[in-house]
Amino acid sequence: MTTSRPRWPPERGAQRHDIEAIKDATEKLLTTSQGFSQRLYEEAAKANSSEPSAPQGNDDEIVDAEIVD
């Protein structure tokens, strides 16, 4: 009777294959994440460009004050 349990330690060929698969998956994840982050940044820039950067108000409302102890 044979079992389907993996051998430990794995054979060198299996390790090399697993390392390459991990590297490939990591690269794919980083590329996808970078594209997603770039889209988020672009959307945020669009949203911020349509809003005024400072409130539109009367400058006469500004009061210069000093705190005295």
PDB file of N, CA and C in Angstrom:
ATOM      1  N   MET A   1       0.841  -1.171   0.000  1.00  0.00           N
ATOM      2  CA  MET A   1       0.000   0.000   0.000  1.00  0.00           C
ATOM      3  C   MET A   1       0.892   1.242   0.000  1.00  0.00           C
ATOM      4  N   THR A   2       0.594   2.168  -0.893  1.00  0.00           N
ATOM      5  CA  THR A   2       1.362   3.413  -0.961  1.00  0.00           C
ATOM      6  C   THR A   2       0.497   4.562  -0.469  1.00  0.00           C
ATOM      7  N   THR A   3       1.162   5.497   0.139  1.00  0.00           N
ATOM      8  CA  THR A   3       0.450   6.682   0.616  1.00  0.00           C
ATOM      9  C   THR A   3       0.795   7.867  -0.273  1.00  0.00           C
ATOM     10  N   SER A   4      -0.035   8.859  -0.290  1.00  0.00           N
ATOM     11  CA  SER A   4       0.203  10.041  -1.122  1.00  0.00           C
ATOM     12  C   SER A   4       0.815  11.188  -0.325  1.00  0.00           C
ATOM     13  N   ARG A   5       1.371  10.860   0.826  1.00  0.00           N
ATOM     14  CA  ARG A   5       2.003  11.890   1.645  1.00  0.00           C
ATOM     15  C   ARG A   5       3.285  12.365   0.982  1.00  0.00           C
ATOM     16  N   PRO A   6       3.574  13.659   1.047  1.00  0.00           N
ATOM     17  CA  PRO A   6       4.810  14.165   0.445  1.00  0.00           C
ATOM     18  C   PRO A   6       6.033  13.686   1.204  1.00  0.00           C
ATOM     19  N   ARG A   7       7.109  13.517   0.472  1.00  0.00           N
ATOM     20  CA  ARG A   7       8.379  13.121   1.099  1.00  0.00           C
ATOM     21  C   ARG A   7       8.993  14.300   1.804  1.00  0.00           C
ATOM     22  N   TRP A   8       9.608  14.008   2.908  1.00  0.00           N
ATOM     23  CA  TRP A   8      10.339  15.065   3.590  1.00  0.00           C
ATOM     24  C   TRP A   8      11.727  14.603   3.889  1.00  0.00           C
ATOM     25  N   PRO A   9      12.740  15.284   3.595  1.00  0.00           N
ATOM     26  CA  PRO A   9      12.742  16.533   2.848  1.00  0.00           C
ATOM     27  C   PRO A   9      12.456  16.278   1.372  1.00  0.00           C
ATOM     28  N   PRO A  10      11.897  17.258   0.698  1.00  0.00           N
ATOM     29  CA  PRO A  10      11.583  17.078  -0.718  1.00  0.00           C
ATOM     30  C   PRO A  10      12.857  16.903  -1.547  1.00  0.00           C
ATOM     31  N   GLU A  11      12.708  16.324  -2.688  1.00  0.00           N
ATOM     32  CA  GLU A  11      13.857  16.147  -3.575  1.00  0.00           C
ATOM     33  C   GLU A  11      14.303  17.511  -4.098  1.00  0.00           C
ATOM     34  N   ARG A  12      15.557  17.608  -4.474  1.00  0.00           N
ATOM     35  CA  ARG A  12      16.099  18.886  -4.946  1.00  0.00           C
ATOM     36  C   ARG A  12      15.354  19.426  -6.160  1.00  0.00           C
ATOM     37  N   GLY A  13      14.982  18.588  -7.071  1.00  0.00           N
ATOM     38  CA  GLY A  13      14.245  19.032  -8.248  1.00  0.00           C
ATOM     39  C   GLY A  13      12.914  19.649  -7.868  1.00  0.00           C
ATOM     40  N   ALA A  14      12.255  19.059  -6.908  1.00  0.00           N
ATOM     41  CA  ALA A  14      10.965  19.583  -6.456  1.00  0.00           C
ATOM     42  C   ALA A  14      11.155  20.944  -5.789  1.00  0.00           C
ATOM     43  N   GLN A  15      12.221  21.086  -5.015  1.00  0.00           N
ATOM     44  CA  GLN A  15      12.481  22.366  -4.356  1.00  0.00           C
ATOM     45  C   GLN A  15      12.730  23.463  -5.388  1.00  0.00           C
ATOM     46  N   ARG A  16      13.530  23.162  -6.390  1.00  0.00           N
ATOM     47  CA  ARG A  16      13.841  24.150  -7.409  1.00  0.00           C
ATOM     48  C   ARG A  16      12.573  24.578  -8.126  1.00  0.00           C
ATOM     49  N   HIS A  17      11.727  23.618  -8.424  1.00  0.00           N
ATOM     50  CA  HIS A  17      10.473  23.922  -9.110  1.00  0.00           C
ATOM     51  C   HIS A  17       9.577  24.778  -8.210  1.00  0.00           C
ATOM     52  N   ASP A  18       9.499  24.440  -6.943  1.00  0.00           N
ATOM     53  CA  ASP A  18       8.665  25.203  -6.012  1.00  0.00           C
ATOM     54  C   ASP A  18       9.172  26.628  -5.856  1.00  0.00           C
ATOM     55  N   ILE A  19      10.473  26.814  -5.781  1.00  0.00           N
ATOM     56  CA  ILE A  19      11.049  28.152  -5.629  1.00  0.00           C
ATOM     57  C   ILE A  19      10.717  28.996  -6.856  1.00  0.00           C
ATOM     58  N   GLU A  20      10.838  28.423  -8.035  1.00  0.00           N
ATOM     59  CA  GLU A  20      10.510  29.152  -9.263  1.00  0.00           C
ATOM     60  C   GLU A  20       9.031  29.508  -9.303  1.00  0.00           C
ATOM     61  N   ALA A  21       8.175  28.595  -8.867  1.00  0.00           N
ATOM     62  CA  ALA A  21       6.738  28.871  -8.844  1.00  0.00           C
ATOM     63  C   ALA A  21       6.430  30.005  -7.869  1.00  0.00           C
ATOM     64  N   ILE A  22       7.105  30.012  -6.729  1.00  0.00           N
ATOM     65  CA  ILE A  22       6.899  31.077  -5.744  1.00  0.00           C
ATOM     66  C   ILE A  22       7.386  32.413  -6.295  1.00  0.00           C
ATOM     67  N   LYS A  23       8.538  32.424  -6.943  1.00  0.00           N
ATOM     68  CA  LYS A  23       9.060  33.659  -7.530  1.00  0.00           C
ATOM     69  C   LYS A  23       8.108  34.186  -8.599  1.00  0.00           C
ATOM     70  N   ASP A  24       7.610  33.296  -9.454  1.00  0.00           N
ATOM     71  CA  ASP A  24       6.682  33.708 -10.511  1.00  0.00           C
ATOM     72  C   ASP A  24       5.392  34.273  -9.920  1.00  0.00           C
ATOM     73  N   ALA A  25       4.859  33.610  -8.909  1.00  0.00           N
ATOM     74  CA  ALA A  25       3.626  34.073  -8.276  1.00  0.00           C
ATOM     75  C   ALA A  25       3.845  35.418  -7.576  1.00  0.00           C
ATOM     76  N   THR A  26       4.992  35.586  -6.940  1.00  0.00           N
ATOM     77  CA  THR A  26       5.306  36.844  -6.264  1.00  0.00           C
ATOM     78  C   THR A  26       5.416  37.977  -7.268  1.00  0.00           C
ATOM     79  N   GLU A  27       6.082  37.728  -8.382  1.00  0.00           N
ATOM     80  CA  GLU A  27       6.223  38.751  -9.422  1.00  0.00           C
ATOM     81  C   GLU A  27       4.853  39.148  -9.983  1.00  0.00           C
ATOM     82  N   LYS A  28       4.008  38.161 -10.216  1.00  0.00           N
ATOM     83  CA  LYS A  28       2.666  38.438 -10.733  1.00  0.00           C
ATOM     84  C   LYS A  28       1.866  39.259  -9.722  1.00  0.00           C
ATOM     85  N   LEU A  29       1.969  38.918  -8.449  1.00  0.00           N
ATOM     86  CA  LEU A  29       1.267  39.651  -7.398  1.00  0.00           C
ATOM     87  C   LEU A  29       1.752  41.097  -7.328  1.00  0.00           C
ATOM     88  N   LEU A  30       3.061  41.314  -7.376  1.00  0.00           N
ATOM     89  CA  LEU A  30       3.607  42.664  -7.293  1.00  0.00           C
ATOM     90  C   LEU A  30       3.184  43.506  -8.497  1.00  0.00           C
ATOM     91  N   THR A  31       3.194  42.914  -9.680  1.00  0.00           N
ATOM     92  CA  THR A  31       2.791  43.631 -10.890  1.00  0.00           C
ATOM     93  C   THR A  31       1.328  44.034 -10.809  1.00  0.00           C
ATOM     94  N   THR A  32       0.485  43.109 -10.392  1.00  0.00           N
ATOM     95  CA  THR A  32      -0.942  43.389 -10.266  1.00  0.00           C
ATOM     96  C   THR A  32      -1.190  44.446  -9.197  1.00  0.00           C
ATOM     97  N   SER A  33      -0.505  44.336  -8.081  1.00  0.00           N
ATOM     98  CA  SER A  33      -0.658  45.291  -6.982  1.00  0.00           C
ATOM     99  C   SER A  33      -0.223  46.686  -7.415  1.00  0.00           C
ATOM    100  N   GLN A  34       0.843  46.773  -8.178  1.00  0.00           N
ATOM    101  CA  GLN A  34       1.332  48.066  -8.643  1.00  0.00           C
ATOM    102  C   GLN A  34       0.313  48.729  -9.572  1.00  0.00           C
ATOM    103  N   GLY A  35      -0.274  47.950 -10.466  1.00  0.00           N
ATOM    104  CA  GLY A  35      -1.292  48.485 -11.366  1.00  0.00           C
ATOM    105  C   GLY A  35      -2.511  48.975 -10.603  1.00  0.00           C
ATOM    106  N   PHE A  36      -2.930  48.202  -9.607  1.00  0.00           N
ATOM    107  CA  PHE A  36      -4.071  48.575  -8.779  1.00  0.00           C
ATOM    108  C   PHE A  36      -3.778  49.866  -8.013  1.00  0.00           C
ATOM    109  N   SER A  37      -2.601  49.961  -7.420  1.00  0.00           N
ATOM    110  CA  SER A  37      -2.220  51.150  -6.664  1.00  0.00           C
ATOM    111  C   SER A  37      -2.165  52.382  -7.565  1.00  0.00           C
ATOM    112  N   GLN A  38      -1.681  52.196  -8.771  1.00  0.00           N
ATOM    113  CA  GLN A  38      -1.601  53.309  -9.710  1.00  0.00           C
ATOM    114  C   GLN A  38      -3.003  53.816 -10.063  1.00  0.00           C
ATOM    115  N   ARG A  39      -3.937  52.891 -10.278  1.00  0.00           N
ATOM    116  CA  ARG A  39      -5.317  53.293 -10.575  1.00  0.00           C
ATOM    117  C   ARG A  39      -5.936  54.034  -9.401  1.00  0.00           C
ATOM    118  N   LEU A  40      -5.690  53.574  -8.168  1.00  0.00           N
ATOM    119  CA  LEU A  40      -6.202  54.268  -6.991  1.00  0.00           C
ATOM    120  C   LEU A  40      -5.642  55.686  -6.902  1.00  0.00           C
ATOM    121  N   TYR A  41      -4.356  55.835  -7.160  1.00  0.00           N
ATOM    122  CA  TYR A  41      -3.705  57.138  -7.099  1.00  0.00           C
ATOM    123  C   TYR A  41      -4.303  58.076  -8.145  1.00  0.00           C
ATOM    124  N   GLU A  42      -4.512  57.578  -9.361  1.00  0.00           N
ATOM    125  CA  GLU A  42      -5.079  58.401 -10.432  1.00  0.00           C
ATOM    126  C   GLU A  42      -6.500  58.839 -10.096  1.00  0.00           C
ATOM    127  N   GLU A  43      -7.296  57.930  -9.550  1.00  0.00           N
ATOM    128  CA  GLU A  43      -8.669  58.270  -9.167  1.00  0.00           C
ATOM    129  C   GLU A  43      -8.686  59.311  -8.046  1.00  0.00           C
ATOM    130  N   ALA A  44      -7.789  59.186  -7.092  1.00  0.00           N
ATOM    131  CA  ALA A  44      -7.713  60.153  -5.996  1.00  0.00           C
ATOM    132  C   ALA A  44      -7.283  61.523  -6.528  1.00  0.00           C
ATOM    133  N   ALA A  45      -6.366  61.535  -7.474  1.00  0.00           N
ATOM    134  CA  ALA A  45      -5.913  62.801  -8.057  1.00  0.00           C
ATOM    135  C   ALA A  45      -7.058  63.475  -8.812  1.00  0.00           C
ATOM    136  N   LYS A  46      -7.864  62.698  -9.526  1.00  0.00           N
ATOM    137  CA  LYS A  46      -9.017  63.259 -10.238  1.00  0.00           C
ATOM    138  C   LYS A  46     -10.016  63.851  -9.251  1.00  0.00           C
ATOM    139  N   ALA A  47     -10.289  63.124  -8.175  1.00  0.00           N
ATOM    140  CA  ALA A  47     -11.254  63.590  -7.177  1.00  0.00           C
ATOM    141  C   ALA A  47     -10.763  64.866  -6.498  1.00  0.00           C
ATOM    142  N   ASN A  48      -9.479  64.944  -6.213  1.00  0.00           N
ATOM    143  CA  ASN A  48      -8.937  66.119  -5.538  1.00  0.00           C
ATOM    144  C   ASN A  48      -8.828  67.320  -6.463  1.00  0.00           C
ATOM    145  N   SER A  49      -8.657  67.098  -7.746  1.00  0.00           N
ATOM    146  CA  SER A  49      -8.514  68.222  -8.666  1.00  0.00           C
ATOM    147  C   SER A  49      -9.846  68.920  -8.903  1.00  0.00           C
ATOM    148  N   SER A  50     -10.951  68.244  -8.703  1.00  0.00           N
ATOM    149  CA  SER A  50     -12.250  68.867  -8.917  1.00  0.00           C
ATOM    150  C   SER A  50     -12.715  69.670  -7.700  1.00  0.00           C
ATOM    151  N   GLU A  51     -12.088  69.474  -6.549  1.00  0.00           N
ATOM    152  CA  GLU A  51     -12.439  70.207  -5.338  1.00  0.00           C
ATOM    153  C   GLU A  51     -11.532  71.428  -5.208  1.00  0.00           C
ATOM    154  N   PRO A  52     -12.058  72.530  -4.701  1.00  0.00           N
ATOM    155  CA  PRO A  52     -11.192  73.698  -4.479  1.00  0.00           C
ATOM    156  C   PRO A  52     -10.155  73.395  -3.405  1.00  0.00           C
ATOM    157  N   SER A  53      -8.967  73.947  -3.559  1.00  0.00           N
ATOM    158  CA  SER A  53      -7.896  73.653  -2.610  1.00  0.00           C
ATOM    159  C   SER A  53      -8.053  74.420  -1.302  1.00  0.00           C
ATOM    160  N   ALA A  54      -8.703  75.567  -1.342  1.00  0.00           N
ATOM    161  CA  ALA A  54      -8.915  76.357  -0.128  1.00  0.00           C
ATOM    162  C   ALA A  54     -10.371  76.813  -0.099  1.00  0.00           C
ATOM    163  N   PRO A  55     -10.910  76.946   1.075  1.00  0.00           N
ATOM    164  CA  PRO A  55     -12.295  77.416   1.143  1.00  0.00           C
ATOM    165  C   PRO A  55     -12.420  78.827   0.583  1.00  0.00           C
ATOM    166  N   GLN A  56     -13.497  79.079  -0.123  1.00  0.00           N
ATOM    167  CA  GLN A  56     -13.742  80.396  -0.699  1.00  0.00           C
ATOM    168  C   GLN A  56     -14.488  81.233   0.330  1.00  0.00           C
ATOM    169  N   GLY A  57     -13.793  82.117   0.969  1.00  0.00           N
ATOM    170  CA  GLY A  57     -14.429  82.932   2.007  1.00  0.00           C
ATOM    171  C   GLY A  57     -13.857  84.338   1.996  1.00  0.00           C
ATOM    172  N   ASN A  58     -14.315  85.115   2.933  1.00  0.00           N
ATOM    173  CA  ASN A  58     -13.873  86.490   3.060  1.00  0.00           C
ATOM    174  C   ASN A  58     -12.627  86.524   3.941  1.00  0.00           C
ATOM    175  N   ASP A  59     -11.564  87.181   3.479  1.00  0.00           N
ATOM    176  CA  ASP A  59     -10.324  87.259   4.248  1.00  0.00           C
ATOM    177  C   ASP A  59     -10.466  88.141   5.478  1.00  0.00           C
ATOM    178  N   ASP A  60     -11.540  88.948   5.552  1.00  0.00           N
ATOM    179  CA  ASP A  60     -11.748  89.820   6.707  1.00  0.00           C
ATOM    180  C   ASP A  60     -12.049  89.028   7.971  1.00  0.00           C
ATOM    181  N   GLU A  61     -12.399  87.753   7.844  1.00  0.00           N
ATOM    182  CA  GLU A  61     -12.739  86.929   8.999  1.00  0.00           C
ATOM    183  C   GLU A  61     -11.505  86.448   9.760  1.00  0.00           C
ATOM    184  N   ILE A  62     -10.328  86.608   9.184  1.00  0.00           N
ATOM    185  CA  ILE A  62      -9.099  86.128   9.813  1.00  0.00           C
ATOM    186  C   ILE A  62      -8.688  87.105  10.919  1.00  0.00           C
ATOM    187  N   VAL A  63      -8.426  86.562  12.110  1.00  0.00           N
ATOM    188  CA  VAL A  63      -8.050  87.384  13.251  1.00  0.00           C
ATOM    189  C   VAL A  63      -6.687  86.906  13.752  1.00  0.00           C
ATOM    190  N   ASP A  64      -5.771  87.816  13.910  1.00  0.00           N
ATOM    191  CA  ASP A  64      -4.460  87.496  14.458  1.00  0.00           C
ATOM    192  C   ASP A  64      -4.550  87.663  15.969  1.00  0.00           C
ATOM    193  N   ALA A  65      -4.156  86.623  16.707  1.00  0.00           N
ATOM    194  CA  ALA A  65      -4.289  86.675  18.167  1.00  0.00           C
ATOM    195  C   ALA A  65      -3.024  86.156  18.818  1.00  0.00           C
ATOM    196  N   GLU A  66      -2.850  86.544  20.077  1.00  0.00           N
ATOM    197  CA  GLU A  66      -1.703  86.115  20.850  1.00  0.00           C
ATOM    198  C   GLU A  66      -2.200  85.565  22.176  1.00  0.00           C
ATOM    199  N   ILE A  67      -1.625  84.440  22.627  1.00  0.00           N
ATOM    200  CA  ILE A  67      -2.018  83.857  23.908  1.00  0.00           C
ATOM    201  C   ILE A  67      -1.126  84.434  24.990  1.00  0.00           C
ATOM    202  N   VAL A  68      -1.783  84.971  26.032  1.00  0.00           N
ATOM    203  CA  VAL A  68      -1.048  85.576  27.144  1.00  0.00           C
ATOM    204  C   VAL A  68      -1.356  84.752  28.387  1.00  0.00           C
ATOM    205  N   ASP A  69      -0.331  84.277  29.057  1.00  0.00           N
ATOM    206  CA  ASP A  69      -0.527  83.514  30.298  1.00  0.00           C
ATOM    207  C   ASP A  69      -0.589  84.397  31.495  1.00  0.00           C
TER     208      ASP A  69
END
